[in-house]
Amino acid sequence: MRPSRLAPFRRSPLRTGRDHRRAHQRGERHRPRFQQPMLTIHQRPFPPEDRSQAGNWEGDLITGRDQGSAIGTLVERQTRLVRLLHPPLRDSDALHAALKARMEDLPPGLMRSITWDQGTEMARHLEIAKTLNTRVYFCDSHSPWQRGSNEPAAPHSR
């Protein structure tokens, strides 16, 4: 805040210390985080409890301290087979390369779909789907337990 000559030591009335308010950004101005179209978990051709068909994977990215490292986990829903990824960075380009290197050796019958949470590391999901010749589905926002093989159960209500 710039002091005026009449009140040189006057504090700002705003908690932030700024001299004036700033308008909130409009929602239309924000760039979408993900490429569109984005398939949701509700568009999967099978219900969440159905594990009769192999090839449907659930994935997650676990980050280390200060986001200095990351490990990707993929769990196949029927067989519970686990595949780990080690992207060098926590971004969509590194995850795309790690997924391609780790999953391209699977036969087409074992790579039907991937379900992921809405982390920014999956921003390039359309390229991932094209590269692996599969579909990528997303959980609802703030609902990672919808991937039952890869996350703990739903939070308990108090």
N, C-alpha and C. Protein backbone atom coordinates (compact mmCIF):
# COMPACT_ATOMS: atom_id res chain seq x y z
N MET A 1 0.85 -1.18 0.00
CA MET A 1 0.00 0.00 0.00
C MET A 1 0.89 1.23 0.00
N ARG A 2 0.51 2.16 -0.83
CA ARG A 2 1.26 3.41 -0.88
C ARG A 2 0.73 4.36 0.19
N PRO A 3 1.60 4.86 1.03
CA PRO A 3 1.12 5.80 2.06
C PRO A 3 0.74 7.13 1.42
N SER A 4 -0.30 7.73 1.92
CA SER A 4 -0.69 9.06 1.43
C SER A 4 0.01 10.11 2.29
N ARG A 5 -0.01 11.33 1.80
CA ARG A 5 0.64 12.39 2.56
C ARG A 5 -0.16 12.75 3.80
N LEU A 6 -1.48 12.49 3.76
CA LEU A 6 -2.31 12.83 4.91
C LEU A 6 -2.22 11.76 6.00
N ALA A 7 -2.07 10.49 5.60
CA ALA A 7 -1.99 9.40 6.57
C ALA A 7 -0.85 8.48 6.16
N PRO A 8 0.41 8.88 6.39
CA PRO A 8 1.53 8.12 5.87
C PRO A 8 1.70 6.74 6.52
N PHE A 9 1.19 6.55 7.73
CA PHE A 9 1.41 5.26 8.41
C PHE A 9 0.12 4.45 8.54
N ARG A 10 -0.88 4.76 7.74
CA ARG A 10 -2.16 4.07 7.81
C ARG A 10 -2.03 2.65 7.25
N ARG A 11 -2.57 1.69 8.02
CA ARG A 11 -2.53 0.30 7.56
C ARG A 11 -3.68 0.04 6.60
N SER A 12 -3.52 -0.98 5.80
CA SER A 12 -4.56 -1.37 4.87
C SER A 12 -5.74 -1.97 5.62
N PRO A 13 -6.96 -1.68 5.21
CA PRO A 13 -8.12 -2.30 5.86
C PRO A 13 -8.31 -3.76 5.43
N LEU A 14 -7.59 -4.21 4.42
CA LEU A 14 -7.71 -5.59 3.94
C LEU A 14 -6.75 -6.49 4.69
N ARG A 15 -7.19 -7.72 4.98
CA ARG A 15 -6.33 -8.66 5.70
C ARG A 15 -5.05 -8.98 4.94
N THR A 16 -5.11 -8.94 3.62
CA THR A 16 -3.94 -9.28 2.82
C THR A 16 -2.91 -8.17 2.78
N GLY A 17 -3.28 -6.98 3.19
CA GLY A 17 -2.36 -5.86 3.17
C GLY A 17 -2.39 -5.08 1.87
N ARG A 18 -3.15 -5.56 0.89
CA ARG A 18 -3.25 -4.84 -0.39
C ARG A 18 -4.06 -3.57 -0.20
N ASP A 19 -3.90 -2.64 -1.12
CA ASP A 19 -4.61 -1.38 -0.99
C ASP A 19 -5.99 -1.41 -1.63
N HIS A 20 -6.29 -2.42 -2.44
CA HIS A 20 -7.63 -2.52 -3.03
C HIS A 20 -7.98 -3.98 -3.29
N ARG A 21 -9.25 -4.23 -3.44
CA ARG A 21 -9.71 -5.60 -3.69
C ARG A 21 -9.49 -5.96 -5.17
N ARG A 22 -9.35 -7.25 -5.39
CA ARG A 22 -9.23 -7.74 -6.76
C ARG A 22 -10.39 -8.67 -7.04
N ALA A 23 -10.96 -8.56 -8.21
CA ALA A 23 -12.09 -9.41 -8.57
C ALA A 23 -11.63 -10.85 -8.77
N HIS A 24 -12.52 -11.80 -8.48
CA HIS A 24 -12.21 -13.20 -8.72
C HIS A 24 -12.12 -13.45 -10.22
N GLN A 25 -11.30 -14.40 -10.60
CA GLN A 25 -11.19 -14.75 -12.01
C GLN A 25 -12.46 -15.47 -12.46
N ARG A 26 -12.88 -15.22 -13.65
CA ARG A 26 -14.08 -15.86 -14.17
C ARG A 26 -13.76 -17.29 -14.58
N GLY A 27 -14.70 -18.18 -14.37
CA GLY A 27 -14.52 -19.59 -14.68
C GLY A 27 -14.25 -19.84 -16.15
N GLU A 28 -14.82 -19.03 -17.03
CA GLU A 28 -14.63 -19.25 -18.47
C GLU A 28 -13.19 -18.98 -18.90
N ARG A 29 -12.48 -18.18 -18.14
CA ARG A 29 -11.11 -17.84 -18.52
C ARG A 29 -10.11 -18.96 -18.22
N HIS A 30 -10.48 -19.86 -17.30
CA HIS A 30 -9.56 -20.91 -16.92
C HIS A 30 -9.45 -21.94 -18.03
N ARG A 31 -8.25 -22.34 -18.29
CA ARG A 31 -7.99 -23.37 -19.29
C ARG A 31 -8.32 -24.72 -18.67
N PRO A 32 -8.99 -25.61 -19.40
CA PRO A 32 -9.28 -26.93 -18.82
C PRO A 32 -7.99 -27.70 -18.57
N ARG A 33 -7.99 -28.45 -17.47
CA ARG A 33 -6.81 -29.21 -17.07
C ARG A 33 -6.55 -30.39 -17.99
N PHE A 34 -7.62 -31.00 -18.51
CA PHE A 34 -7.51 -32.20 -19.31
C PHE A 34 -7.96 -31.96 -20.73
N GLN A 35 -7.40 -32.74 -21.64
CA GLN A 35 -7.88 -32.71 -23.01
C GLN A 35 -9.29 -33.28 -23.02
N GLN A 36 -10.10 -32.83 -23.92
CA GLN A 36 -11.47 -33.31 -24.01
C GLN A 36 -11.61 -34.15 -25.27
N PRO A 37 -12.45 -35.14 -25.33
CA PRO A 37 -13.41 -35.57 -24.33
C PRO A 37 -12.74 -36.39 -23.24
N MET A 38 -13.30 -36.33 -22.07
CA MET A 38 -12.79 -37.02 -20.91
C MET A 38 -13.85 -38.02 -20.45
N LEU A 39 -13.54 -39.32 -20.51
CA LEU A 39 -14.50 -40.35 -20.13
C LEU A 39 -14.51 -40.52 -18.61
N THR A 40 -15.70 -40.61 -18.03
CA THR A 40 -15.80 -40.78 -16.59
C THR A 40 -16.00 -42.26 -16.25
N ILE A 41 -15.81 -42.57 -14.99
CA ILE A 41 -15.97 -43.93 -14.51
C ILE A 41 -17.40 -44.43 -14.73
N HIS A 42 -18.35 -43.53 -14.81
CA HIS A 42 -19.75 -43.90 -15.02
C HIS A 42 -20.01 -44.33 -16.47
N GLN A 43 -19.08 -44.06 -17.37
CA GLN A 43 -19.22 -44.45 -18.77
C GLN A 43 -18.56 -45.80 -19.07
N ARG A 44 -17.94 -46.41 -18.07
CA ARG A 44 -17.33 -47.72 -18.29
C ARG A 44 -18.43 -48.72 -18.64
N PRO A 45 -18.12 -49.68 -19.51
CA PRO A 45 -19.15 -50.64 -19.92
C PRO A 45 -19.41 -51.74 -18.89
N PHE A 46 -18.80 -51.68 -17.73
CA PHE A 46 -19.00 -52.69 -16.69
C PHE A 46 -19.18 -51.99 -15.35
N PRO A 47 -19.96 -52.59 -14.44
CA PRO A 47 -20.14 -51.99 -13.13
C PRO A 47 -18.88 -52.14 -12.27
N PRO A 48 -18.73 -51.31 -11.24
CA PRO A 48 -17.51 -51.35 -10.42
C PRO A 48 -17.24 -52.69 -9.77
N GLU A 49 -18.26 -53.43 -9.40
CA GLU A 49 -18.04 -54.71 -8.71
C GLU A 49 -17.75 -55.86 -9.66
N ASP A 50 -17.89 -55.66 -10.97
CA ASP A 50 -17.67 -56.73 -11.94
C ASP A 50 -16.18 -56.86 -12.24
N ARG A 51 -15.62 -58.01 -11.89
CA ARG A 51 -14.21 -58.29 -12.14
C ARG A 51 -14.07 -59.54 -13.01
N SER A 52 -15.06 -59.82 -13.84
CA SER A 52 -15.08 -61.06 -14.61
C SER A 52 -14.19 -61.01 -15.84
N GLN A 53 -13.81 -59.84 -16.29
CA GLN A 53 -13.03 -59.72 -17.52
C GLN A 53 -11.64 -59.16 -17.21
N ALA A 54 -10.63 -59.83 -17.70
CA ALA A 54 -9.25 -59.36 -17.50
C ALA A 54 -8.94 -58.22 -18.46
N GLY A 55 -7.98 -57.39 -18.08
CA GLY A 55 -7.52 -56.32 -18.96
C GLY A 55 -7.96 -54.94 -18.56
N ASN A 56 -8.69 -54.80 -17.46
CA ASN A 56 -9.11 -53.49 -16.98
C ASN A 56 -8.23 -53.11 -15.81
N TRP A 57 -7.46 -52.05 -15.98
CA TRP A 57 -6.44 -51.65 -15.01
C TRP A 57 -6.90 -50.42 -14.25
N GLU A 58 -6.41 -50.29 -13.02
CA GLU A 58 -6.62 -49.08 -12.22
C GLU A 58 -5.25 -48.54 -11.85
N GLY A 59 -5.05 -47.24 -12.06
CA GLY A 59 -3.74 -46.66 -11.85
C GLY A 59 -3.74 -45.50 -10.88
N ASP A 60 -2.55 -45.22 -10.36
CA ASP A 60 -2.37 -44.10 -9.45
C ASP A 60 -0.91 -43.69 -9.48
N LEU A 61 -0.64 -42.47 -9.08
CA LEU A 61 0.72 -41.97 -8.98
C LEU A 61 0.98 -41.59 -7.53
N ILE A 62 2.02 -42.16 -6.96
CA ILE A 62 2.39 -41.88 -5.57
C ILE A 62 3.64 -41.02 -5.62
N THR A 63 3.59 -39.87 -4.95
CA THR A 63 4.73 -38.96 -4.99
C THR A 63 5.49 -39.02 -3.68
N GLY A 64 6.80 -38.82 -3.78
CA GLY A 64 7.66 -38.82 -2.61
C GLY A 64 7.71 -37.47 -1.94
N ARG A 65 8.60 -37.36 -0.99
CA ARG A 65 8.76 -36.13 -0.22
C ARG A 65 9.09 -34.96 -1.15
N ASP A 66 8.41 -33.87 -0.93
CA ASP A 66 8.57 -32.65 -1.72
C ASP A 66 8.42 -32.90 -3.21
N GLN A 67 7.69 -33.93 -3.57
CA GLN A 67 7.43 -34.32 -4.95
C GLN A 67 8.71 -34.52 -5.74
N GLY A 68 9.75 -34.99 -5.04
CA GLY A 68 11.04 -35.22 -5.68
C GLY A 68 11.09 -36.50 -6.49
N SER A 69 10.20 -37.45 -6.19
CA SER A 69 10.17 -38.70 -6.94
C SER A 69 8.72 -39.16 -7.05
N ALA A 70 8.50 -40.09 -7.96
CA ALA A 70 7.14 -40.60 -8.15
C ALA A 70 7.20 -42.06 -8.56
N ILE A 71 6.20 -42.81 -8.12
CA ILE A 71 6.02 -44.21 -8.51
C ILE A 71 4.59 -44.35 -9.00
N GLY A 72 4.42 -44.90 -10.17
CA GLY A 72 3.10 -45.18 -10.69
C GLY A 72 2.74 -46.63 -10.41
N THR A 73 1.50 -46.87 -10.02
CA THR A 73 1.04 -48.23 -9.78
C THR A 73 -0.12 -48.52 -10.72
N LEU A 74 -0.11 -49.70 -11.29
CA LEU A 74 -1.21 -50.18 -12.11
C LEU A 74 -1.60 -51.55 -11.59
N VAL A 75 -2.88 -51.73 -11.27
CA VAL A 75 -3.38 -52.99 -10.76
C VAL A 75 -4.45 -53.50 -11.72
N GLU A 76 -4.27 -54.74 -12.17
CA GLU A 76 -5.28 -55.34 -13.05
C GLU A 76 -6.42 -55.82 -12.16
N ARG A 77 -7.65 -55.49 -12.50
CA ARG A 77 -8.79 -55.71 -11.62
C ARG A 77 -9.10 -57.17 -11.37
N GLN A 78 -8.96 -58.05 -12.35
CA GLN A 78 -9.34 -59.45 -12.13
C GLN A 78 -8.23 -60.26 -11.48
N THR A 79 -7.04 -60.20 -12.04
CA THR A 79 -5.93 -61.03 -11.55
C THR A 79 -5.17 -60.38 -10.41
N ARG A 80 -5.36 -59.07 -10.19
CA ARG A 80 -4.64 -58.29 -9.17
C ARG A 80 -3.14 -58.18 -9.48
N LEU A 81 -2.79 -58.39 -10.73
CA LEU A 81 -1.41 -58.23 -11.16
C LEU A 81 -1.03 -56.76 -11.00
N VAL A 82 0.15 -56.50 -10.45
CA VAL A 82 0.61 -55.13 -10.22
C VAL A 82 1.80 -54.84 -11.12
N ARG A 83 1.76 -53.70 -11.77
CA ARG A 83 2.90 -53.21 -12.54
C ARG A 83 3.27 -51.84 -12.00
N LEU A 84 4.56 -51.64 -11.79
CA LEU A 84 5.04 -50.37 -11.26
C LEU A 84 5.72 -49.57 -12.36
N LEU A 85 5.58 -48.26 -12.30
CA LEU A 85 6.21 -47.33 -13.24
C LEU A 85 7.12 -46.42 -12.44
N HIS A 86 8.17 -45.97 -13.07
CA HIS A 86 9.02 -44.99 -12.41
C HIS A 86 9.29 -43.83 -13.37
N PRO A 87 8.33 -42.89 -13.46
CA PRO A 87 8.58 -41.72 -14.31
C PRO A 87 9.62 -40.81 -13.65
N PRO A 88 10.55 -40.27 -14.43
CA PRO A 88 11.58 -39.41 -13.84
C PRO A 88 11.01 -38.10 -13.28
N LEU A 89 9.90 -37.64 -13.81
CA LEU A 89 9.25 -36.41 -13.34
C LEU A 89 7.77 -36.68 -13.10
N ARG A 90 7.13 -35.77 -12.40
CA ARG A 90 5.69 -35.92 -12.16
C ARG A 90 4.93 -35.03 -13.12
N ASP A 91 4.98 -35.38 -14.40
CA ASP A 91 4.22 -34.62 -15.39
C ASP A 91 3.64 -35.59 -16.42
N SER A 92 2.79 -35.07 -17.28
CA SER A 92 2.07 -35.94 -18.21
C SER A 92 2.99 -36.54 -19.27
N ASP A 93 4.02 -35.82 -19.68
CA ASP A 93 4.94 -36.36 -20.69
C ASP A 93 5.73 -37.55 -20.14
N ALA A 94 6.23 -37.42 -18.92
CA ALA A 94 7.00 -38.50 -18.31
C ALA A 94 6.11 -39.71 -18.03
N LEU A 95 4.87 -39.47 -17.58
CA LEU A 95 3.96 -40.59 -17.33
C LEU A 95 3.59 -41.29 -18.63
N HIS A 96 3.38 -40.54 -19.68
CA HIS A 96 3.07 -41.13 -20.99
C HIS A 96 4.20 -42.05 -21.44
N ALA A 97 5.42 -41.60 -21.34
CA ALA A 97 6.57 -42.42 -21.75
C ALA A 97 6.71 -43.66 -20.87
N ALA A 98 6.50 -43.51 -19.56
CA ALA A 98 6.63 -44.65 -18.64
C ALA A 98 5.52 -45.67 -18.88
N LEU A 99 4.29 -45.21 -19.10
CA LEU A 99 3.19 -46.12 -19.39
C LEU A 99 3.43 -46.88 -20.69
N LYS A 100 3.91 -46.18 -21.69
CA LYS A 100 4.17 -46.83 -22.98
C LYS A 100 5.24 -47.91 -22.82
N ALA A 101 6.32 -47.58 -22.15
CA ALA A 101 7.41 -48.55 -21.98
C ALA A 101 6.99 -49.76 -21.15
N ARG A 102 6.13 -49.54 -20.16
CA ARG A 102 5.78 -50.63 -19.24
C ARG A 102 4.61 -51.49 -19.72
N MET A 103 3.70 -50.92 -20.52
CA MET A 103 2.48 -51.63 -20.86
C MET A 103 2.39 -52.08 -22.32
N GLU A 104 3.32 -51.67 -23.18
CA GLU A 104 3.18 -51.99 -24.59
C GLU A 104 3.43 -53.47 -24.90
N ASP A 105 4.00 -54.23 -23.98
CA ASP A 105 4.26 -55.65 -24.24
C ASP A 105 3.04 -56.53 -23.97
N LEU A 106 1.96 -55.95 -23.44
CA LEU A 106 0.76 -56.73 -23.14
C LEU A 106 -0.02 -57.06 -24.42
N PRO A 107 -0.60 -58.25 -24.50
CA PRO A 107 -1.47 -58.56 -25.64
C PRO A 107 -2.73 -57.69 -25.56
N PRO A 108 -3.39 -57.44 -26.69
CA PRO A 108 -4.56 -56.55 -26.70
C PRO A 108 -5.67 -56.97 -25.73
N GLY A 109 -5.83 -58.26 -25.49
CA GLY A 109 -6.87 -58.72 -24.57
C GLY A 109 -6.59 -58.37 -23.12
N LEU A 110 -5.35 -58.04 -22.80
CA LEU A 110 -5.01 -57.66 -21.43
C LEU A 110 -4.82 -56.15 -21.26
N MET A 111 -5.24 -55.38 -22.25
CA MET A 111 -5.15 -53.92 -22.16
C MET A 111 -6.44 -53.33 -22.69
N ARG A 112 -7.52 -53.48 -21.91
CA ARG A 112 -8.83 -53.00 -22.35
C ARG A 112 -9.10 -51.57 -21.88
N SER A 113 -8.75 -51.25 -20.64
CA SER A 113 -9.02 -49.90 -20.12
C SER A 113 -8.09 -49.60 -18.95
N ILE A 114 -7.96 -48.30 -18.68
CA ILE A 114 -7.24 -47.81 -17.51
C ILE A 114 -8.17 -46.81 -16.82
N THR A 115 -8.32 -46.96 -15.50
CA THR A 115 -9.10 -46.00 -14.72
C THR A 115 -8.13 -45.29 -13.79
N TRP A 116 -8.18 -43.95 -13.77
CA TRP A 116 -7.22 -43.13 -13.04
C TRP A 116 -7.98 -42.07 -12.27
N ASP A 117 -7.34 -41.45 -11.29
CA ASP A 117 -7.97 -40.30 -10.64
C ASP A 117 -7.69 -39.06 -11.48
N GLN A 118 -8.15 -37.92 -11.04
CA GLN A 118 -8.03 -36.72 -11.87
C GLN A 118 -6.77 -35.93 -11.57
N GLY A 119 -5.65 -36.61 -11.41
CA GLY A 119 -4.38 -35.93 -11.22
C GLY A 119 -3.89 -35.33 -12.52
N THR A 120 -3.14 -34.25 -12.42
CA THR A 120 -2.68 -33.55 -13.62
C THR A 120 -1.70 -34.38 -14.45
N GLU A 121 -1.15 -35.45 -13.86
CA GLU A 121 -0.23 -36.29 -14.62
C GLU A 121 -0.92 -37.00 -15.78
N MET A 122 -2.26 -37.06 -15.77
CA MET A 122 -3.00 -37.70 -16.86
C MET A 122 -3.58 -36.68 -17.84
N ALA A 123 -3.01 -35.50 -17.90
CA ALA A 123 -3.51 -34.46 -18.80
C ALA A 123 -3.46 -34.90 -20.26
N ARG A 124 -2.51 -35.76 -20.62
CA ARG A 124 -2.38 -36.23 -22.01
C ARG A 124 -3.05 -37.60 -22.20
N HIS A 125 -4.19 -37.79 -21.56
CA HIS A 125 -4.84 -39.09 -21.59
C HIS A 125 -5.25 -39.52 -22.99
N LEU A 126 -5.54 -38.59 -23.88
CA LEU A 126 -5.92 -38.98 -25.24
C LEU A 126 -4.75 -39.61 -25.99
N GLU A 127 -3.54 -39.06 -25.82
CA GLU A 127 -2.37 -39.66 -26.45
C GLU A 127 -2.04 -41.01 -25.82
N ILE A 128 -2.21 -41.12 -24.50
CA ILE A 128 -1.96 -42.39 -23.82
C ILE A 128 -2.91 -43.45 -24.35
N ALA A 129 -4.19 -43.10 -24.48
CA ALA A 129 -5.19 -44.04 -24.98
C ALA A 129 -4.86 -44.47 -26.41
N LYS A 130 -4.42 -43.54 -27.21
CA LYS A 130 -4.08 -43.87 -28.60
C LYS A 130 -2.82 -44.74 -28.67
N THR A 131 -1.82 -44.40 -27.89
CA THR A 131 -0.56 -45.16 -27.89
C THR A 131 -0.78 -46.60 -27.45
N LEU A 132 -1.56 -46.80 -26.39
CA LEU A 132 -1.78 -48.13 -25.83
C LEU A 132 -3.00 -48.83 -26.44
N ASN A 133 -3.70 -48.14 -27.33
CA ASN A 133 -4.90 -48.69 -27.98
C ASN A 133 -5.91 -49.16 -26.93
N THR A 134 -6.24 -48.26 -26.02
CA THR A 134 -7.16 -48.57 -24.93
C THR A 134 -8.01 -47.35 -24.64
N ARG A 135 -8.86 -47.44 -23.63
CA ARG A 135 -9.66 -46.31 -23.19
C ARG A 135 -9.21 -45.91 -21.78
N VAL A 136 -9.24 -44.62 -21.51
CA VAL A 136 -8.86 -44.10 -20.19
C VAL A 136 -10.09 -43.47 -19.57
N TYR A 137 -10.44 -43.96 -18.38
CA TYR A 137 -11.58 -43.44 -17.63
C TYR A 137 -11.07 -42.72 -16.39
N PHE A 138 -11.86 -41.74 -15.92
CA PHE A 138 -11.49 -40.98 -14.74
C PHE A 138 -12.53 -41.11 -13.65
N CYS A 139 -12.06 -41.20 -12.41
CA CYS A 139 -12.96 -41.17 -11.25
C CYS A 139 -13.56 -39.79 -11.12
N ASP A 140 -14.60 -39.70 -10.32
CA ASP A 140 -15.15 -38.39 -10.00
C ASP A 140 -14.11 -37.60 -9.22
N SER A 141 -14.21 -36.30 -9.29
CA SER A 141 -13.28 -35.43 -8.58
C SER A 141 -13.35 -35.69 -7.08
N HIS A 142 -12.20 -35.79 -6.44
CA HIS A 142 -12.07 -36.03 -5.01
C HIS A 142 -12.71 -37.35 -4.57
N SER A 143 -12.72 -38.36 -5.44
CA SER A 143 -13.30 -39.67 -5.12
C SER A 143 -12.37 -40.80 -5.56
N PRO A 144 -11.14 -40.83 -5.09
CA PRO A 144 -10.21 -41.86 -5.57
C PRO A 144 -10.61 -43.27 -5.14
N TRP A 145 -11.45 -43.43 -4.11
CA TRP A 145 -11.85 -44.77 -3.68
C TRP A 145 -12.70 -45.48 -4.72
N GLN A 146 -13.10 -44.77 -5.78
CA GLN A 146 -13.86 -45.42 -6.85
C GLN A 146 -13.00 -46.43 -7.61
N ARG A 147 -11.71 -46.36 -7.40
CA ARG A 147 -10.80 -47.37 -7.96
C ARG A 147 -10.47 -48.33 -6.82
N GLY A 148 -11.36 -49.28 -6.57
CA GLY A 148 -11.28 -50.15 -5.41
C GLY A 148 -10.04 -51.01 -5.33
N SER A 149 -9.42 -51.35 -6.46
CA SER A 149 -8.22 -52.19 -6.43
C SER A 149 -6.98 -51.39 -6.08
N ASN A 150 -7.03 -50.09 -6.28
CA ASN A 150 -5.83 -49.28 -6.15
C ASN A 150 -5.89 -48.30 -4.99
N GLU A 151 -7.03 -48.14 -4.36
CA GLU A 151 -7.19 -47.19 -3.26
C GLU A 151 -7.90 -47.86 -2.09
N PRO A 152 -7.76 -47.30 -0.90
CA PRO A 152 -8.54 -47.83 0.22
C PRO A 152 -10.03 -47.57 0.03
N ALA A 153 -10.82 -48.14 0.86
CA ALA A 153 -12.28 -47.98 0.78
C ALA A 153 -12.69 -46.53 1.01
N ALA A 154 -13.96 -46.26 0.77
CA ALA A 154 -14.50 -44.90 0.93
C ALA A 154 -14.26 -44.42 2.35
N PRO A 155 -14.08 -43.11 2.54
CA PRO A 155 -13.84 -42.58 3.88
C PRO A 155 -15.06 -42.79 4.76
N HIS A 156 -14.80 -43.00 6.04
CA HIS A 156 -15.89 -43.21 6.99
C HIS A 156 -16.51 -41.87 7.37
N SER A 157 -17.80 -41.86 7.49
CA SER A 157 -18.46 -40.63 7.94
C SER A 157 -18.43 -40.58 9.45
N ARG A 158 -18.31 -39.40 9.99
CA ARG A 158 -18.21 -39.23 11.44
C ARG A 158 -19.51 -38.84 12.03
